[in-house]
Structures are given as structure tokens and as C-alpha cells.
Amino acid sequence: MKLVKPVMFALSLAMVASGVFADTPAENGKSHIVQRGDYKYLAPGYDTEDVARFFRESLNGWSETPDNVARYFTPTGTFELAYAPADDFPIFSRSNTGRENITRYFTEMSAYLGRLEYSEIKNWTQLKTNEPGTYVFEYTSRGLIKATGGEYNQKFISIVKVADGQISYVREYWDPYVALRDFNLIQRTPATSN
């Protein structure tokens, strides 16, 4: 019986050294976000806050590194922008499927926005739904409009689905009026007096 503990300890050390547990962080509050090659994954045991952090990591700073977003998505993942005014303003897109298309969209949008930062996780509303792997987040972002140097502040609600440790689907809701106004694509109408 006394031999079991040293044998188990030696076996555990050998497994750690060989990388068997390389993608599974300790359950002591450390992140469940891991990197495999060029892509990011959620390791088993993640919770709603881990998914929020994962999603925020994918978005934060995309105006400078637009190719980062797709690293968190499955190869056939979809990023949908439900309220994007794409019919009237083709700089926007309502749906981008696949890592290449997601990267293309965020690269094109990075011509308009700079220094985009998303609110800290502690300020996010985080909800896990009854549907396995589906989460809802409410959060904000701020950045700069490159053409004018003006501020860009936006509010979001996103439905995020996770499959195989990566984001498989996002449906993001944001205020298109704010984007159109701040990108100088529409003009305010002066108030009239009666």
C-alpha cells in the first residue's frame, strides 16, 4: 500500500512532463483558455465567465489585429450582425461564415475604427441559457473613428454558441444608428420648431 502513492506521483509527473495535461489548466481559478497552434480553445471545465473572457479576447483590439477574431472560431463558425444596415451601406455585412470570411470582414472594418476596446468582464451581463453551449452577453466598447478622430461608443448584446471548445456562432446586436452617425454615413436632421 505504501508503494501506491509514490508510483501514482511518479506517473503523474511523467504525464505532466509528456504534455498529457497541457491543454487543461488547473481548477484553481486559472483560465480555461488555451492555445493549440494558431488557434485558441476553451479547455474542458469552462464556465460562463470563461466563455465571456474567451469571447472578449477574440474581440478586444480587433481594430489593430483583425485576424485575431477568427482564431477563436471553429473552421465553419459564423459571426452574424443582426442589425447591420448592409442593404443600404455595403461596408457592413450581416453574416460572415468561416475563418477567412470573418477575418476579411474585420479587416475591412478596421479601416474605419481604431483602438477598439471592450468593457471589462466584471461589467458584462453574463447569462447561460437552457440550451447547452449557448450564452448571452451584454457589454460595451469604445474606440476611435479613424476618419475624424472622434469617439465611438457602442452597446451590444450577443448570443454566443460554443462547440468543440471554440465559438461556432455569434449573433451580435448593436445600435446601427450609432455606427451610421459616427461613421458620418448619415446626417442629423435639425429640429424644427412648431
N, C-alpha and C. Protein backbone atom coordinates (compact mmCIF):
# COMPACT_ATOMS: atom_id res chain seq x y z
N MET A 1 0.81 -1.18 0.00
CA MET A 1 0.00 0.00 0.00
C MET A 1 0.86 1.25 0.00
N LYS A 2 1.99 1.23 0.70
CA LYS A 2 2.84 2.40 0.77
C LYS A 2 3.46 2.73 -0.58
N LEU A 3 3.57 1.75 -1.45
CA LEU A 3 4.18 1.94 -2.76
C LEU A 3 3.23 2.66 -3.74
N VAL A 4 1.93 2.61 -3.49
CA VAL A 4 0.95 3.17 -4.42
C VAL A 4 1.14 4.68 -4.58
N LYS A 5 1.27 5.42 -3.50
CA LYS A 5 1.39 6.87 -3.60
C LYS A 5 2.63 7.30 -4.38
N PRO A 6 3.83 6.75 -4.10
CA PRO A 6 4.99 7.14 -4.90
C PRO A 6 4.84 6.77 -6.37
N VAL A 7 4.23 5.63 -6.66
CA VAL A 7 4.03 5.21 -8.05
C VAL A 7 3.07 6.17 -8.74
N MET A 8 1.97 6.50 -8.08
CA MET A 8 0.99 7.44 -8.65
C MET A 8 1.62 8.81 -8.85
N PHE A 9 2.43 9.24 -7.90
CA PHE A 9 3.11 10.53 -8.01
C PHE A 9 4.05 10.52 -9.21
N ALA A 10 4.83 9.46 -9.36
CA ALA A 10 5.77 9.35 -10.48
C ALA A 10 5.01 9.31 -11.81
N LEU A 11 3.91 8.58 -11.83
CA LEU A 11 3.09 8.51 -13.04
C LEU A 11 2.52 9.89 -13.38
N SER A 12 2.05 10.60 -12.38
CA SER A 12 1.52 11.95 -12.61
C SER A 12 2.59 12.88 -13.15
N LEU A 13 3.79 12.82 -12.58
CA LEU A 13 4.90 13.66 -13.07
C LEU A 13 5.23 13.33 -14.53
N ALA A 14 5.22 12.04 -14.86
CA ALA A 14 5.52 11.63 -16.23
C ALA A 14 4.45 12.14 -17.19
N MET A 15 3.19 12.10 -16.78
CA MET A 15 2.11 12.58 -17.64
C MET A 15 2.21 14.09 -17.84
N VAL A 16 2.52 14.82 -16.79
CA VAL A 16 2.68 16.27 -16.92
C VAL A 16 3.85 16.59 -17.84
N ALA A 17 4.97 15.89 -17.65
CA ALA A 17 6.15 16.14 -18.47
C ALA A 17 5.90 15.81 -19.94
N SER A 18 5.06 14.82 -20.21
CA SER A 18 4.79 14.44 -21.60
C SER A 18 3.74 15.33 -22.26
N GLY A 19 3.12 16.20 -21.48
CA GLY A 19 2.15 17.13 -22.05
C GLY A 19 0.73 16.62 -22.08
N VAL A 20 0.44 15.51 -21.41
CA VAL A 20 -0.91 14.97 -21.41
C VAL A 20 -1.91 16.00 -20.88
N PHE A 21 -1.50 16.78 -19.87
CA PHE A 21 -2.40 17.76 -19.28
C PHE A 21 -2.13 19.16 -19.80
N ALA A 22 -1.43 19.31 -20.88
CA ALA A 22 -1.01 20.64 -21.35
C ALA A 22 -2.18 21.56 -21.66
N ASP A 23 -3.30 21.01 -22.13
CA ASP A 23 -4.43 21.85 -22.50
C ASP A 23 -5.46 22.00 -21.39
N THR A 24 -5.20 21.46 -20.23
CA THR A 24 -6.17 21.52 -19.15
C THR A 24 -5.56 22.27 -17.97
N PRO A 25 -5.88 23.56 -17.84
CA PRO A 25 -5.35 24.32 -16.71
C PRO A 25 -5.89 23.78 -15.39
N ALA A 26 -5.21 24.11 -14.33
CA ALA A 26 -5.64 23.70 -13.01
C ALA A 26 -6.98 24.33 -12.68
N GLU A 27 -7.74 23.68 -11.84
CA GLU A 27 -9.06 24.17 -11.45
C GLU A 27 -8.97 25.18 -10.30
N ASN A 28 -7.88 25.88 -10.18
CA ASN A 28 -7.69 26.80 -9.06
C ASN A 28 -7.89 28.25 -9.48
N GLY A 29 -8.83 28.50 -10.37
CA GLY A 29 -9.10 29.86 -10.79
C GLY A 29 -8.33 30.30 -12.01
N LYS A 30 -7.49 29.45 -12.55
CA LYS A 30 -6.74 29.82 -13.75
C LYS A 30 -7.65 29.75 -14.96
N SER A 31 -7.24 30.41 -15.99
CA SER A 31 -8.02 30.48 -17.21
C SER A 31 -8.16 29.11 -17.87
N HIS A 32 -9.30 28.90 -18.49
CA HIS A 32 -9.54 27.70 -19.28
C HIS A 32 -9.28 27.97 -20.76
N ILE A 33 -8.65 29.09 -21.06
CA ILE A 33 -8.33 29.44 -22.44
C ILE A 33 -6.93 28.94 -22.75
N VAL A 34 -6.84 28.11 -23.79
CA VAL A 34 -5.56 27.53 -24.17
C VAL A 34 -5.31 27.76 -25.65
N GLN A 35 -4.05 27.66 -26.03
CA GLN A 35 -3.69 27.82 -27.43
C GLN A 35 -3.18 26.50 -27.98
N ARG A 36 -3.65 26.16 -29.17
CA ARG A 36 -3.16 24.98 -29.90
C ARG A 36 -2.82 25.45 -31.30
N GLY A 37 -1.54 25.50 -31.58
CA GLY A 37 -1.11 26.04 -32.88
C GLY A 37 -1.48 27.50 -32.97
N ASP A 38 -2.15 27.89 -34.03
CA ASP A 38 -2.56 29.29 -34.22
C ASP A 38 -3.92 29.60 -33.63
N TYR A 39 -4.58 28.64 -33.01
CA TYR A 39 -5.96 28.83 -32.58
C TYR A 39 -6.11 28.75 -31.07
N LYS A 40 -7.17 29.41 -30.58
CA LYS A 40 -7.49 29.41 -29.16
C LYS A 40 -8.68 28.50 -28.91
N TYR A 41 -8.68 27.87 -27.73
CA TYR A 41 -9.73 26.94 -27.35
C TYR A 41 -10.09 27.13 -25.88
N LEU A 42 -11.30 26.71 -25.55
CA LEU A 42 -11.72 26.59 -24.16
C LEU A 42 -11.43 25.16 -23.73
N ALA A 43 -10.67 25.00 -22.66
CA ALA A 43 -10.37 23.67 -22.14
C ALA A 43 -11.59 23.15 -21.37
N PRO A 44 -11.73 21.84 -21.26
CA PRO A 44 -12.86 21.27 -20.51
C PRO A 44 -12.95 21.85 -19.10
N GLY A 45 -14.18 21.99 -18.64
CA GLY A 45 -14.42 22.53 -17.31
C GLY A 45 -14.70 24.02 -17.29
N TYR A 46 -14.80 24.64 -18.46
CA TYR A 46 -15.05 26.08 -18.51
C TYR A 46 -16.47 26.40 -18.05
N ASP A 47 -16.64 27.65 -17.62
CA ASP A 47 -17.96 28.10 -17.17
C ASP A 47 -18.36 29.35 -17.97
N THR A 48 -19.47 29.95 -17.60
CA THR A 48 -20.00 31.11 -18.33
C THR A 48 -19.00 32.25 -18.36
N GLU A 49 -18.33 32.52 -17.25
CA GLU A 49 -17.35 33.60 -17.23
C GLU A 49 -16.16 33.30 -18.13
N ASP A 50 -15.74 32.04 -18.20
CA ASP A 50 -14.66 31.67 -19.12
C ASP A 50 -15.07 31.93 -20.56
N VAL A 51 -16.32 31.62 -20.90
CA VAL A 51 -16.80 31.87 -22.26
C VAL A 51 -16.82 33.37 -22.53
N ALA A 52 -17.25 34.16 -21.55
CA ALA A 52 -17.24 35.63 -21.71
C ALA A 52 -15.82 36.13 -21.94
N ARG A 53 -14.87 35.65 -21.17
CA ARG A 53 -13.47 36.06 -21.34
C ARG A 53 -12.94 35.65 -22.73
N PHE A 54 -13.28 34.45 -23.13
CA PHE A 54 -12.86 33.92 -24.43
C PHE A 54 -13.40 34.80 -25.55
N PHE A 55 -14.69 35.12 -25.47
CA PHE A 55 -15.32 35.97 -26.48
C PHE A 55 -14.71 37.37 -26.47
N ARG A 56 -14.50 37.93 -25.28
CA ARG A 56 -13.90 39.26 -25.18
C ARG A 56 -12.49 39.26 -25.77
N GLU A 57 -11.71 38.21 -25.47
CA GLU A 57 -10.36 38.10 -26.03
C GLU A 57 -10.39 38.09 -27.55
N SER A 58 -11.40 37.44 -28.12
CA SER A 58 -11.49 37.37 -29.58
C SER A 58 -11.75 38.75 -30.18
N LEU A 59 -12.51 39.57 -29.48
CA LEU A 59 -12.91 40.88 -30.00
C LEU A 59 -11.96 42.01 -29.64
N ASN A 60 -11.44 41.99 -28.44
CA ASN A 60 -10.70 43.15 -27.93
C ASN A 60 -9.50 43.47 -28.82
N GLY A 61 -9.47 44.70 -29.32
CA GLY A 61 -8.36 45.14 -30.15
C GLY A 61 -8.41 44.69 -31.59
N TRP A 62 -9.57 44.20 -32.05
CA TRP A 62 -9.63 43.72 -33.44
C TRP A 62 -9.33 44.82 -34.44
N SER A 63 -9.49 46.07 -34.05
CA SER A 63 -9.22 47.16 -34.99
C SER A 63 -7.74 47.20 -35.38
N GLU A 64 -6.87 46.68 -34.52
CA GLU A 64 -5.43 46.61 -34.83
C GLU A 64 -5.01 45.21 -35.28
N THR A 65 -5.70 44.19 -34.82
CA THR A 65 -5.35 42.81 -35.18
C THR A 65 -6.62 42.06 -35.61
N PRO A 66 -7.17 42.41 -36.78
CA PRO A 66 -8.45 41.82 -37.19
C PRO A 66 -8.40 40.32 -37.42
N ASP A 67 -7.23 39.77 -37.69
CA ASP A 67 -7.12 38.32 -37.90
C ASP A 67 -7.23 37.54 -36.60
N ASN A 68 -7.17 38.22 -35.46
CA ASN A 68 -7.26 37.55 -34.17
C ASN A 68 -8.65 36.95 -33.93
N VAL A 69 -9.70 37.61 -34.40
CA VAL A 69 -11.07 37.18 -34.10
C VAL A 69 -11.28 35.72 -34.51
N ALA A 70 -10.93 35.38 -35.72
CA ALA A 70 -11.21 34.04 -36.27
C ALA A 70 -10.44 32.94 -35.55
N ARG A 71 -9.40 33.25 -34.82
CA ARG A 71 -8.62 32.23 -34.11
C ARG A 71 -9.42 31.55 -33.00
N TYR A 72 -10.52 32.18 -32.60
CA TYR A 72 -11.36 31.67 -31.53
C TYR A 72 -12.58 30.92 -32.08
N PHE A 73 -12.74 30.91 -33.40
CA PHE A 73 -13.91 30.31 -34.04
C PHE A 73 -13.59 28.94 -34.62
N THR A 74 -14.63 28.11 -34.69
CA THR A 74 -14.50 26.84 -35.41
C THR A 74 -14.26 27.16 -36.89
N PRO A 75 -13.72 26.22 -37.66
CA PRO A 75 -13.46 26.50 -39.08
C PRO A 75 -14.70 26.97 -39.85
N THR A 76 -15.88 26.50 -39.45
CA THR A 76 -17.11 26.90 -40.14
C THR A 76 -17.97 27.84 -39.28
N GLY A 77 -17.35 28.49 -38.30
CA GLY A 77 -18.08 29.38 -37.42
C GLY A 77 -18.69 30.56 -38.16
N THR A 78 -19.73 31.13 -37.56
CA THR A 78 -20.44 32.27 -38.16
C THR A 78 -20.47 33.43 -37.19
N PHE A 79 -20.17 34.62 -37.70
CA PHE A 79 -20.33 35.87 -36.94
C PHE A 79 -21.42 36.65 -37.66
N GLU A 80 -22.57 36.75 -37.01
CA GLU A 80 -23.73 37.42 -37.60
C GLU A 80 -23.97 38.75 -36.88
N LEU A 81 -24.22 39.79 -37.66
CA LEU A 81 -24.53 41.11 -37.12
C LEU A 81 -25.97 41.42 -37.51
N ALA A 82 -26.89 41.08 -36.63
CA ALA A 82 -28.32 41.07 -36.95
C ALA A 82 -28.85 42.41 -37.44
N TYR A 83 -28.38 43.52 -36.88
CA TYR A 83 -28.91 44.83 -37.23
C TYR A 83 -28.02 45.61 -38.19
N ALA A 84 -27.02 44.99 -38.75
CA ALA A 84 -26.13 45.70 -39.67
C ALA A 84 -26.93 46.22 -40.87
N PRO A 85 -26.82 47.51 -41.19
CA PRO A 85 -27.57 48.08 -42.30
C PRO A 85 -26.90 47.80 -43.65
N ALA A 86 -26.66 46.53 -43.92
CA ALA A 86 -25.87 46.12 -45.09
C ALA A 86 -26.54 46.43 -46.42
N ASP A 87 -27.87 46.45 -46.47
CA ASP A 87 -28.55 46.72 -47.74
C ASP A 87 -28.26 48.13 -48.25
N ASP A 88 -28.22 49.08 -47.34
CA ASP A 88 -28.01 50.48 -47.73
C ASP A 88 -26.57 50.94 -47.61
N PHE A 89 -25.79 50.24 -46.79
CA PHE A 89 -24.41 50.64 -46.54
C PHE A 89 -23.52 49.39 -46.65
N PRO A 90 -22.98 49.13 -47.84
CA PRO A 90 -22.25 47.87 -48.07
C PRO A 90 -20.94 47.72 -47.30
N ILE A 91 -20.52 48.73 -46.53
CA ILE A 91 -19.33 48.49 -45.69
C ILE A 91 -19.65 47.49 -44.59
N PHE A 92 -20.95 47.32 -44.28
CA PHE A 92 -21.37 46.38 -43.26
C PHE A 92 -21.74 45.05 -43.90
N SER A 93 -21.72 44.01 -43.10
CA SER A 93 -22.12 42.68 -43.55
C SER A 93 -22.97 42.07 -42.45
N ARG A 94 -24.03 41.38 -42.83
CA ARG A 94 -24.90 40.77 -41.82
C ARG A 94 -24.39 39.42 -41.34
N SER A 95 -23.67 38.69 -42.18
CA SER A 95 -23.25 37.35 -41.79
C SER A 95 -21.94 36.98 -42.47
N ASN A 96 -21.03 36.44 -41.67
CA ASN A 96 -19.72 36.02 -42.17
C ASN A 96 -19.46 34.62 -41.64
N THR A 97 -19.34 33.66 -42.54
CA THR A 97 -19.14 32.27 -42.15
C THR A 97 -17.77 31.79 -42.61
N GLY A 98 -17.08 31.12 -41.70
CA GLY A 98 -15.74 30.61 -41.97
C GLY A 98 -14.69 31.60 -41.51
N ARG A 99 -13.56 31.07 -41.08
CA ARG A 99 -12.50 31.92 -40.53
C ARG A 99 -12.03 32.97 -41.53
N GLU A 100 -11.91 32.58 -42.80
CA GLU A 100 -11.42 33.52 -43.82
C GLU A 100 -12.38 34.69 -44.00
N ASN A 101 -13.67 34.43 -44.05
CA ASN A 101 -14.66 35.50 -44.21
C ASN A 101 -14.77 36.38 -42.98
N ILE A 102 -14.66 35.77 -41.81
CA ILE A 102 -14.67 36.56 -40.57
C ILE A 102 -13.47 37.50 -40.56
N THR A 103 -12.30 36.98 -40.91
CA THR A 103 -11.09 37.82 -40.96
C THR A 103 -11.24 38.92 -42.00
N ARG A 104 -11.77 38.60 -43.15
CA ARG A 104 -11.96 39.61 -44.20
C ARG A 104 -12.86 40.75 -43.71
N TYR A 105 -13.97 40.41 -43.06
CA TYR A 105 -14.89 41.44 -42.58
C TYR A 105 -14.22 42.35 -41.56
N PHE A 106 -13.58 41.77 -40.57
CA PHE A 106 -12.96 42.60 -39.53
C PHE A 106 -11.78 43.39 -40.09
N THR A 107 -11.09 42.86 -41.07
CA THR A 107 -10.01 43.61 -41.73
C THR A 107 -10.58 44.83 -42.45
N GLU A 108 -11.68 44.64 -43.18
CA GLU A 108 -12.31 45.77 -43.87
C GLU A 108 -12.81 46.82 -42.88
N MET A 109 -13.40 46.39 -41.78
CA MET A 109 -13.91 47.34 -40.78
C MET A 109 -12.79 48.06 -40.04
N SER A 110 -11.61 47.45 -39.97
CA SER A 110 -10.50 48.09 -39.26
C SER A 110 -10.03 49.36 -39.96
N ALA A 111 -10.43 49.57 -41.21
CA ALA A 111 -10.12 50.82 -41.90
C ALA A 111 -10.90 51.99 -41.30
N TYR A 112 -11.98 51.70 -40.58
CA TYR A 112 -12.84 52.74 -40.03
C TYR A 112 -12.63 52.98 -38.54
N LEU A 113 -12.24 51.95 -37.81
CA LEU A 113 -12.14 52.04 -36.35
C LEU A 113 -10.72 51.80 -35.87
N GLY A 114 -10.35 52.49 -34.80
CA GLY A 114 -9.04 52.29 -34.19
C GLY A 114 -9.16 52.20 -32.68
N ARG A 115 -8.18 51.58 -32.07
CA ARG A 115 -8.08 51.45 -30.61
C ARG A 115 -9.38 50.98 -29.97
N LEU A 116 -10.00 50.00 -30.58
CA LEU A 116 -11.27 49.48 -30.08
C LEU A 116 -11.02 48.58 -28.88
N GLU A 117 -11.68 48.91 -27.78
CA GLU A 117 -11.55 48.13 -26.55
C GLU A 117 -12.93 47.80 -26.03
N TYR A 118 -13.06 46.59 -25.51
CA TYR A 118 -14.33 46.14 -24.95
C TYR A 118 -14.29 46.24 -23.44
N SER A 119 -15.46 46.47 -22.85
CA SER A 119 -15.54 46.66 -21.40
C SER A 119 -14.99 45.44 -20.66
N GLU A 120 -14.54 45.70 -19.44
CA GLU A 120 -14.01 44.63 -18.60
C GLU A 120 -15.10 43.61 -18.29
N ILE A 121 -14.71 42.37 -18.13
CA ILE A 121 -15.65 41.28 -17.88
C ILE A 121 -16.52 41.56 -16.66
N LYS A 122 -15.98 42.19 -15.64
CA LYS A 122 -16.77 42.46 -14.43
C LYS A 122 -17.97 43.36 -14.74
N ASN A 123 -17.93 44.07 -15.87
CA ASN A 123 -19.04 44.95 -16.25
C ASN A 123 -19.98 44.32 -17.27
N TRP A 124 -19.73 43.06 -17.63
CA TRP A 124 -20.60 42.36 -18.58
C TRP A 124 -21.76 41.71 -17.83
N THR A 125 -22.92 41.68 -18.46
CA THR A 125 -24.02 40.83 -18.01
C THR A 125 -23.79 39.49 -18.68
N GLN A 126 -23.78 38.42 -17.89
CA GLN A 126 -23.45 37.09 -18.41
C GLN A 126 -24.58 36.12 -18.08
N LEU A 127 -25.14 35.50 -19.11
CA LEU A 127 -26.24 34.56 -18.91
C LEU A 127 -25.96 33.26 -19.66
N LYS A 128 -26.14 32.15 -18.95
CA LYS A 128 -26.10 30.84 -19.61
C LYS A 128 -27.55 30.46 -19.86
N THR A 129 -27.83 30.00 -21.03
CA THR A 129 -29.21 29.64 -21.37
C THR A 129 -29.47 28.18 -21.05
N ASN A 130 -30.70 27.75 -21.26
CA ASN A 130 -31.06 26.34 -21.06
C ASN A 130 -30.56 25.47 -22.20
N GLU A 131 -30.15 26.09 -23.29
CA GLU A 131 -29.61 25.35 -24.43
C GLU A 131 -28.12 25.12 -24.20
N PRO A 132 -27.67 23.87 -24.15
CA PRO A 132 -26.26 23.60 -23.88
C PRO A 132 -25.33 24.33 -24.86
N GLY A 133 -24.30 24.96 -24.30
CA GLY A 133 -23.30 25.64 -25.13
C GLY A 133 -23.72 27.00 -25.64
N THR A 134 -24.85 27.53 -25.15
CA THR A 134 -25.34 28.83 -25.63
C THR A 134 -25.36 29.83 -24.48
N TYR A 135 -24.81 31.01 -24.75
CA TYR A 135 -24.65 32.06 -23.74
C TYR A 135 -25.13 33.39 -24.31
N VAL A 136 -25.51 34.30 -23.41
CA VAL A 136 -25.91 35.64 -23.81
C VAL A 136 -25.10 36.63 -22.99
N PHE A 137 -24.52 37.62 -23.68
CA PHE A 137 -23.69 38.63 -23.01
C PHE A 137 -24.15 40.02 -23.41
N GLU A 138 -24.10 40.93 -22.45
CA GLU A 138 -24.34 42.35 -22.71
C GLU A 138 -23.08 43.09 -22.28
N TYR A 139 -22.58 43.98 -23.14
CA TYR A 139 -21.31 44.64 -22.90
C TYR A 139 -21.22 45.91 -23.75
N THR A 140 -20.14 46.64 -23.60
CA THR A 140 -19.93 47.87 -24.36
C THR A 140 -18.53 47.87 -24.97
N SER A 141 -18.33 48.80 -25.90
CA SER A 141 -16.98 49.01 -26.45
C SER A 141 -16.78 50.50 -26.67
N ARG A 142 -15.52 50.86 -26.81
CA ARG A 142 -15.19 52.24 -27.18
C ARG A 142 -13.94 52.22 -28.03
N GLY A 143 -13.86 53.19 -28.91
CA GLY A 143 -12.71 53.30 -29.79
C GLY A 143 -12.72 54.65 -30.47
N LEU A 144 -11.96 54.74 -31.54
CA LEU A 144 -11.86 56.00 -32.29
C LEU A 144 -12.26 55.78 -33.73
N ILE A 145 -12.94 56.78 -34.28
CA ILE A 145 -13.25 56.80 -35.71
C ILE A 145 -12.00 57.30 -36.41
N LYS A 146 -11.42 56.51 -37.27
CA LYS A 146 -10.15 56.89 -37.90
C LYS A 146 -10.27 58.14 -38.76
N ALA A 147 -11.38 58.32 -39.46
CA ALA A 147 -11.53 59.47 -40.37
C ALA A 147 -11.61 60.80 -39.64
N THR A 148 -12.19 60.79 -38.44
CA THR A 148 -12.43 62.06 -37.73
C THR A 148 -11.67 62.19 -36.42
N GLY A 149 -11.22 61.07 -35.88
CA GLY A 149 -10.59 61.09 -34.56
C GLY A 149 -11.61 61.14 -33.44
N GLY A 150 -12.90 61.13 -33.79
CA GLY A 150 -13.96 61.18 -32.79
C GLY A 150 -14.12 59.84 -32.08
N GLU A 151 -14.79 59.91 -30.94
CA GLU A 151 -15.03 58.69 -30.16
C GLU A 151 -16.13 57.85 -30.78
N TYR A 152 -15.99 56.55 -30.58
CA TYR A 152 -17.03 55.61 -30.99
C TYR A 152 -17.36 54.76 -29.78
N ASN A 153 -18.59 54.85 -29.32
CA ASN A 153 -19.06 54.08 -28.16
C ASN A 153 -20.28 53.29 -28.59
N GLN A 154 -20.26 51.99 -28.30
CA GLN A 154 -21.35 51.13 -28.75
C GLN A 154 -21.76 50.20 -27.62
N LYS A 155 -23.03 49.81 -27.63
CA LYS A 155 -23.57 48.82 -26.69
C LYS A 155 -23.96 47.58 -27.50
N PHE A 156 -23.77 46.41 -26.89
CA PHE A 156 -24.00 45.15 -27.58
C PHE A 156 -24.77 44.16 -26.71
N ILE A 157 -25.50 43.30 -27.37
CA ILE A 157 -26.00 42.06 -26.79
C ILE A 157 -25.64 40.98 -27.80
N SER A 158 -25.00 39.92 -27.33
CA SER A 158 -24.59 38.84 -28.23
C SER A 158 -25.05 37.49 -27.71
N ILE A 159 -25.49 36.68 -28.64
CA ILE A 159 -25.75 35.28 -28.38
C ILE A 159 -24.54 34.53 -28.90
N VAL A 160 -23.89 33.76 -28.03
CA VAL A 160 -22.65 33.07 -28.39
C VAL A 160 -22.85 31.57 -28.17
N LYS A 161 -22.51 30.79 -29.20
CA LYS A 161 -22.59 29.34 -29.10
C LYS A 161 -21.18 28.76 -29.18
N VAL A 162 -20.91 27.79 -28.32
CA VAL A 162 -19.60 27.15 -28.26
C VAL A 162 -19.76 25.67 -28.62
N ALA A 163 -18.85 25.19 -29.47
CA ALA A 163 -18.81 23.77 -29.84
C ALA A 163 -17.36 23.37 -30.00
N ASP A 164 -17.00 22.23 -29.48
CA ASP A 164 -15.64 21.71 -29.60
C ASP A 164 -14.60 22.69 -29.08
N GLY A 165 -14.96 23.45 -28.04
CA GLY A 165 -14.02 24.35 -27.39
C GLY A 165 -13.80 25.67 -28.11
N GLN A 166 -14.55 25.94 -29.17
CA GLN A 166 -14.41 27.21 -29.88
C GLN A 166 -15.79 27.80 -30.15
N ILE A 167 -15.81 29.04 -30.58
CA ILE A 167 -17.06 29.71 -30.89
C ILE A 167 -17.55 29.18 -32.24
N SER A 168 -18.77 28.69 -32.26
CA SER A 168 -19.34 28.20 -33.51
C SER A 168 -20.31 29.20 -34.12
N TYR A 169 -20.82 30.10 -33.28
CA TYR A 169 -21.82 31.05 -33.78
C TYR A 169 -21.92 32.25 -32.84
N VAL A 170 -22.00 33.42 -33.44
CA VAL A 170 -22.29 34.65 -32.69
C VAL A 170 -23.37 35.40 -33.45
N ARG A 171 -24.39 35.84 -32.73
CA ARG A 171 -25.35 36.80 -33.28
C ARG A 171 -25.24 38.04 -32.40
N GLU A 172 -24.69 39.09 -32.98
CA GLU A 172 -24.42 40.32 -32.24
C GLU A 172 -25.46 41.38 -32.60
N TYR A 173 -26.04 41.99 -31.57
CA TYR A 173 -26.99 43.09 -31.74
C TYR A 173 -26.33 44.37 -31.25
N TRP A 174 -26.36 45.41 -32.07
CA TRP A 174 -25.82 46.71 -31.70
C TRP A 174 -26.67 47.77 -32.37
N ASP A 175 -26.48 49.01 -31.97
CA ASP A 175 -27.29 50.13 -32.46
C ASP A 175 -26.72 50.64 -33.78
N PRO A 176 -27.38 50.36 -34.90
CA PRO A 176 -26.84 50.81 -36.18
C PRO A 176 -26.82 52.33 -36.32
N TYR A 177 -27.73 53.00 -35.63
CA TYR A 177 -27.74 54.47 -35.70
C TYR A 177 -26.41 55.04 -35.22
N VAL A 178 -25.89 54.51 -34.12
CA VAL A 178 -24.61 55.00 -33.58
C VAL A 178 -23.51 54.83 -34.61
N ALA A 179 -23.44 53.66 -35.24
CA ALA A 179 -22.40 53.42 -36.25
C ALA A 179 -22.57 54.35 -37.45
N LEU A 180 -23.79 54.46 -37.97
CA LEU A 180 -24.02 55.31 -39.14
C LEU A 180 -23.71 56.77 -38.84
N ARG A 181 -24.13 57.24 -37.69
CA ARG A 181 -23.85 58.63 -37.29
C ARG A 181 -22.36 58.86 -37.11
N ASP A 182 -21.71 57.98 -36.36
CA ASP A 182 -20.30 58.19 -36.04
C ASP A 182 -19.38 57.96 -37.24
N PHE A 183 -19.79 57.10 -38.17
CA PHE A 183 -19.01 56.90 -39.40
C PHE A 183 -19.32 57.97 -40.44
N ASN A 184 -20.18 58.91 -40.07
CA ASN A 184 -20.57 60.03 -40.93
C ASN A 184 -21.28 59.55 -42.20
N LEU A 185 -22.05 58.48 -42.07
CA LEU A 185 -22.80 57.94 -43.20
C LEU A 185 -24.22 58.50 -43.28
N ILE A 186 -24.68 59.09 -42.18
CA ILE A 186 -25.96 59.80 -42.16
C ILE A 186 -25.76 61.12 -41.43
N GLN A 187 -26.65 62.04 -41.67
CA GLN A 187 -26.60 63.35 -41.02
C GLN A 187 -27.83 63.52 -40.14
N ARG A 188 -27.65 64.18 -39.04
CA ARG A 188 -28.78 64.50 -38.18
C ARG A 188 -29.65 65.54 -38.88
N THR A 189 -30.93 65.42 -38.68
CA THR A 189 -31.86 66.41 -39.21
C THR A 189 -32.07 67.46 -38.13
N PRO A 190 -31.90 68.73 -38.46
CA PRO A 190 -32.11 69.77 -37.44
C PRO A 190 -33.55 69.74 -36.93
N ALA A 191 -33.69 70.01 -35.67
CA ALA A 191 -35.03 70.06 -35.07
C ALA A 191 -35.78 71.26 -35.62
N THR A 192 -37.05 71.06 -35.83
CA THR A 192 -37.87 72.17 -36.30
C THR A 192 -38.75 72.64 -35.16
N SER A 193 -39.03 73.92 -35.14
CA SER A 193 -39.89 74.45 -34.08
C SER A 193 -41.30 74.61 -34.63
N ASN A 194 -42.26 74.34 -33.81
CA ASN A 194 -43.67 74.46 -34.22
C ASN A 194 -44.23 75.79 -33.83
